[in-house]
Protein backbone atom coordinates (compact mmCIF):
# COMPACT_ATOMS: atom_id res chain seq x y z
CA MET A 1 198.49 16.37 -11.61
CA THR A 2 196.14 15.05 -14.07
CA VAL A 3 193.31 13.25 -13.29
CA ASP A 4 191.25 10.22 -14.93
CA SER A 5 187.50 10.99 -14.30
CA THR A 6 184.46 8.51 -14.66
CA PRO A 7 181.42 10.63 -15.73
CA LYS A 8 179.43 11.25 -12.04
CA ILE A 9 177.20 14.11 -10.60
CA ALA A 10 177.82 15.52 -7.27
CA ILE A 11 174.71 17.34 -5.66
CA VAL A 12 175.40 19.42 -2.97
CA ASN A 13 172.84 20.53 -0.40
CA THR A 14 173.21 24.41 0.25
CA ASP A 15 169.97 25.08 2.07
CA THR A 16 170.40 25.89 5.79
CA ARG A 17 166.78 24.27 6.28
CA GLU A 18 166.31 20.66 6.47
CA ILE A 19 164.80 19.36 3.02
CA ASP A 20 163.01 16.14 3.12
CA ASN A 21 161.09 13.80 1.21
CA LEU A 22 164.03 14.36 -1.81
CA ARG A 23 162.96 12.21 -4.28
CA LEU A 24 165.23 12.44 -7.73
CA SER A 25 163.98 11.24 -11.08
CA VAL A 26 165.98 10.51 -14.13
CA THR A 27 164.87 10.19 -17.83
CA PHE A 28 167.94 9.81 -20.49
CA LEU A 29 168.39 8.23 -23.89
CA ILE A 30 170.73 5.35 -24.48
CA ASN A 31 170.57 4.34 -28.44
CA GLY A 32 167.96 7.05 -28.44
CA GLN A 33 165.79 4.74 -26.57
CA PRO A 34 164.03 6.62 -23.70
CA TYR A 35 164.84 5.02 -19.93
CA TYR A 36 163.24 6.79 -16.55
CA ASP A 37 163.54 5.46 -12.65
CA TYR A 38 163.77 7.23 -9.44
CA GLU A 39 165.10 6.87 -6.03
CA ASP A 40 163.89 8.10 -2.87
CA GLN A 41 166.74 9.51 -0.72
CA GLY A 42 164.34 10.73 2.24
CA THR A 43 166.11 13.45 4.42
CA PHE A 44 169.19 14.94 2.49
CA ASN A 45 171.60 15.18 5.33
CA ARG A 46 174.16 12.58 4.29
CA VAL A 47 176.90 11.90 1.62
CA THR A 48 175.62 9.22 -0.11
CA ASN A 49 176.61 7.48 -3.65
CA ASP A 50 174.28 6.18 -6.30
CA GLY A 51 174.89 4.25 -9.34
CA LEU A 52 173.24 4.90 -12.84
CA THR A 53 172.90 2.12 -15.41
CA GLY A 54 170.14 1.36 -18.25
CA GLU A 55 170.76 -2.14 -18.04
CA ASN A 56 168.35 -4.75 -16.84
CA GLY A 57 165.20 -3.09 -17.40
CA THR A 58 162.05 -3.88 -18.79
CA TRP A 59 160.23 -2.39 -21.85
CA SER A 60 156.84 -0.54 -20.61
CA GLY A 61 155.51 0.06 -24.44
CA SER A 62 157.14 3.90 -24.52
CA GLN A 63 160.10 3.82 -22.58
CA TRP A 64 162.66 1.26 -20.61
CA VAL A 65 161.87 1.31 -16.30
CA GLY A 66 163.83 -0.49 -14.09
CA ASN A 67 166.29 0.07 -10.94
CA PHE A 68 168.47 2.24 -13.17
CA LEU A 69 169.08 4.77 -10.20
CA HIS A 70 170.08 2.88 -7.13
CA ALA A 71 171.86 3.82 -3.98
CA GLU A 72 175.22 2.22 -3.39
CA ASN A 73 176.14 3.77 0.19
CA SER A 74 175.20 6.48 2.71
CA GLN A 75 177.33 7.98 5.71
CA SER A 76 177.01 10.78 7.92
CA PRO A 77 178.99 14.03 6.81
CA GLU A 78 180.25 13.90 10.26
CA TYR A 79 181.49 10.67 9.98
CA VAL A 80 183.14 11.55 6.48
CA TYR A 81 184.74 14.42 7.65
CA ASN A 82 186.34 12.74 10.56
CA THR A 83 187.29 9.64 9.24
CA SER A 84 189.14 11.65 6.27
CA VAL A 85 191.19 13.57 9.30
CA GLU A 86 191.82 9.99 10.35
CA ALA A 87 193.00 8.95 7.32
CA TYR A 88 195.48 12.19 6.89
CA ASN A 89 196.66 11.36 10.07
CA ASN A 90 197.80 8.25 9.37
CA VAL A 91 199.97 9.25 6.65
CA ASP A 92 201.27 12.95 8.45
CA PRO A 93 200.86 12.40 11.72
CA THR A 94 202.26 16.22 11.70
CA GLY A 95 198.53 17.12 11.16
CA PHE A 96 196.52 18.33 7.93
CA ASP A 97 193.53 21.16 7.90
CA PRO A 98 191.16 19.72 5.74
CA PRO A 99 188.88 21.54 3.85
CA GLY A 100 185.42 21.62 5.50
CA PRO A 101 182.95 21.41 6.67
CA VAL A 102 181.44 18.40 4.61
CA LEU A 103 178.13 19.34 3.36
CA PRO A 104 175.25 16.99 2.34
CA GLN A 105 176.11 15.40 -1.02
CA ILE A 106 174.89 12.76 -3.57
CA THR A 107 177.11 11.67 -6.05
CA ILE A 108 175.52 9.67 -9.26
CA VAL A 109 178.26 7.26 -10.98
CA ASN A 110 177.80 6.93 -14.64
CA GLU A 111 178.03 2.71 -14.50
CA ASP A 112 177.05 2.09 -17.99
CA THR A 113 179.57 1.24 -20.56
CA ARG A 114 177.01 2.40 -23.68
CA ALA A 115 176.67 6.70 -23.84
CA ILE A 116 174.09 8.47 -21.73
CA THR A 117 172.44 11.41 -23.45
CA GLY A 118 169.60 13.47 -23.18
CA LEU A 119 169.67 13.35 -19.06
CA ARG A 120 167.43 15.51 -16.98
CA ILE A 121 167.24 14.99 -13.03
CA THR A 122 164.23 15.88 -11.55
CA ALA A 123 164.22 17.13 -7.43
CA ASP A 124 160.91 16.76 -5.63
CA PHE A 125 161.40 17.60 -1.90
CA THR A 126 159.55 19.05 0.60
CA ILE A 127 160.59 22.24 3.19
CA ASN A 128 158.81 22.78 6.60
CA GLY A 129 156.53 20.46 4.80
CA GLN A 130 155.90 22.60 1.72
CA PRO A 131 156.19 20.98 -1.46
CA TYR A 132 158.99 22.35 -4.08
CA THR A 133 160.21 20.73 -7.64
CA ASP A 134 162.63 21.61 -9.94
CA TYR A 135 164.70 19.86 -12.84
CA GLU A 136 167.75 20.03 -14.89
CA ASP A 137 169.04 19.39 -18.00
CA ILE A 138 172.40 17.57 -18.14
CA GLY A 139 172.75 16.56 -21.72
CA PRO A 140 175.31 13.83 -22.02
CA PHE A 141 176.48 12.11 -19.28
CA ASP A 142 180.23 11.87 -20.23
CA ARG A 143 182.12 14.01 -17.68
CA PHE A 144 181.56 15.26 -14.16
CA TYR A 145 179.06 17.80 -13.16
CA GLY A 146 178.88 19.86 -10.15
CA LEU A 147 175.16 20.54 -9.14
CA VAL A 148 173.69 22.53 -6.28
CA LEU A 149 170.20 22.39 -4.49
CA ASN A 150 168.52 24.80 -2.61
CA GLY A 151 164.79 25.79 -2.15
CA GLU A 152 165.49 29.61 -2.05
CA ASN A 153 164.25 32.07 -3.83
CA GLY A 154 161.08 30.40 -5.36
CA THR A 155 157.50 31.33 -6.43
CA TRP A 156 154.45 29.59 -5.19
CA ASN A 157 152.24 28.45 -7.94
CA GLY A 158 149.37 27.63 -5.64
CA THR A 159 150.69 24.19 -5.26
CA LYS A 160 154.04 24.25 -4.78
CA TRP A 161 157.20 26.08 -4.88
CA VAL A 162 158.78 26.36 -8.30
CA GLY A 163 162.47 28.09 -8.95
CA ASN A 164 165.74 27.63 -10.21
CA PHE A 165 166.22 24.94 -6.96
CA LEU A 166 168.56 22.41 -8.80
CA LYS A 167 171.58 24.14 -10.91
CA THR A 168 174.70 23.36 -12.48
CA GLN A 169 177.71 25.19 -11.22
CA TYR A 170 180.62 23.34 -12.85
CA SER A 171 181.41 20.52 -15.22
CA GLY A 172 184.94 19.46 -16.54
CA PHE A 173 186.77 16.42 -17.84
CA ASN A 174 190.54 15.65 -17.67
CA THR A 175 192.21 18.97 -16.31
CA GLN A 176 194.50 19.87 -13.16
CA ILE A 177 193.65 20.57 -9.42
CA ASP A 178 195.76 21.34 -6.24
CA PRO A 179 196.98 17.79 -5.16
CA GLY A 180 195.92 18.59 -1.35
CA LEU A 181 192.29 19.39 -2.21
CA LEU A 182 192.32 16.77 -5.03
CA THR A 183 192.97 13.98 -2.67
CA PHE A 184 190.69 15.01 0.38
CA LEU A 185 187.93 14.97 -2.33
CA ASN A 186 188.58 11.53 -3.21
CA VAL A 187 188.90 10.24 0.18
CA LEU A 188 185.38 10.96 0.53
CA PHE A 189 184.31 8.19 -2.14
CA TYR A 190 186.77 5.84 -0.28
CA ILE A 191 185.12 6.58 3.10
CA CYS A 192 181.62 5.89 2.05
CA PHE A 193 182.39 2.26 0.83
CA PHE A 194 183.71 1.01 4.62
CA VAL A 195 181.57 1.40 7.16
CA ASP A 196 183.95 0.24 9.98
CA ALA A 197 185.58 4.04 10.82
CA VAL A 198 189.26 2.07 11.17
CA ALA A 199 189.14 0.09 7.81
CA GLY A 200 187.94 3.43 6.21
CA ALA A 201 190.67 5.25 7.62
CA VAL A 202 193.24 2.50 6.62
CA ALA A 203 191.99 2.61 3.16
CA ALA A 204 191.58 6.02 2.43
CA GLY A 205 195.19 6.61 4.30
CA ASP A 206 196.23 3.84 1.47
CA ALA A 207 195.08 5.76 -0.91
CA ILE A 208 196.34 9.00 -0.35
CA ARG A 209 199.92 7.04 -0.37
CA ARG A 210 199.59 5.51 -3.38
CA GLY A 211 198.28 8.73 -5.22
CA PHE A 212 195.11 7.41 -6.71
CA ASP A 213 191.95 5.75 -6.69
CA GLU A 214 190.71 2.14 -7.20
CA VAL A 215 188.13 0.36 -5.12
CA ALA A 216 187.90 -3.33 -5.59
CA GLY A 217 184.83 -4.88 -6.84
CA HIS A 218 183.49 -0.76 -8.04
CA GLY A 219 184.07 -1.24 -11.81
CA GLY A 220 187.98 -0.02 -11.72
CA GLY A 221 189.27 3.04 -10.26
CA TRP A 222 187.53 6.72 -10.53
CA SER A 223 188.62 10.17 -9.12
CA LEU A 224 187.51 13.83 -8.93
CA GLY A 225 189.10 16.63 -11.35
CA GLN A 226 189.58 20.39 -11.70
CA LEU A 227 186.12 21.63 -13.10
CA ILE A 228 185.63 23.92 -15.86
């Protein structure tokens, strides 16, 4: 099963401690010109979809600034998991054992039709009231990237913890993946666009039956693919 994959970045929280005051900052290039923005995520305990586009910015004299990185929607991991199970039950009442648990995750979707290059994501956050910082150079935003955020194994520099907290685990274009796992992962995206649990389960169930993803009013279809 080959899957078309719109460029996106999934950042998963793998720290067992609570990550608070999370700010994600992005710097990137479009046509060689620099862009900058940030989004305050708060406590990293939800499944969130953000969009990234360089449109509608203002030139500051040195770079483009604007609401380039913006929140689209957010749900609790428990809501996403329970609604996805309900969606599967609507399709197959005999039952399905989905992957789990659903960890807190922020997915950044590329919404710009132009090429985004030189992308750097910076994560500033606190754990137990202490500040942490790290960044990851993504480069061209032209594929799917899987990142993890974890504050372990850092070094105190006198003012904050520094270390390899934000790191890429994998990236990929269109490849192959187990259809059952693929469908479950794509259902997570569907559910976040529907606040009502019943509506979300119905829509996700319909996606399972149709075998592809397409959310009306959100720029066409996209879904997860096997990662290299």
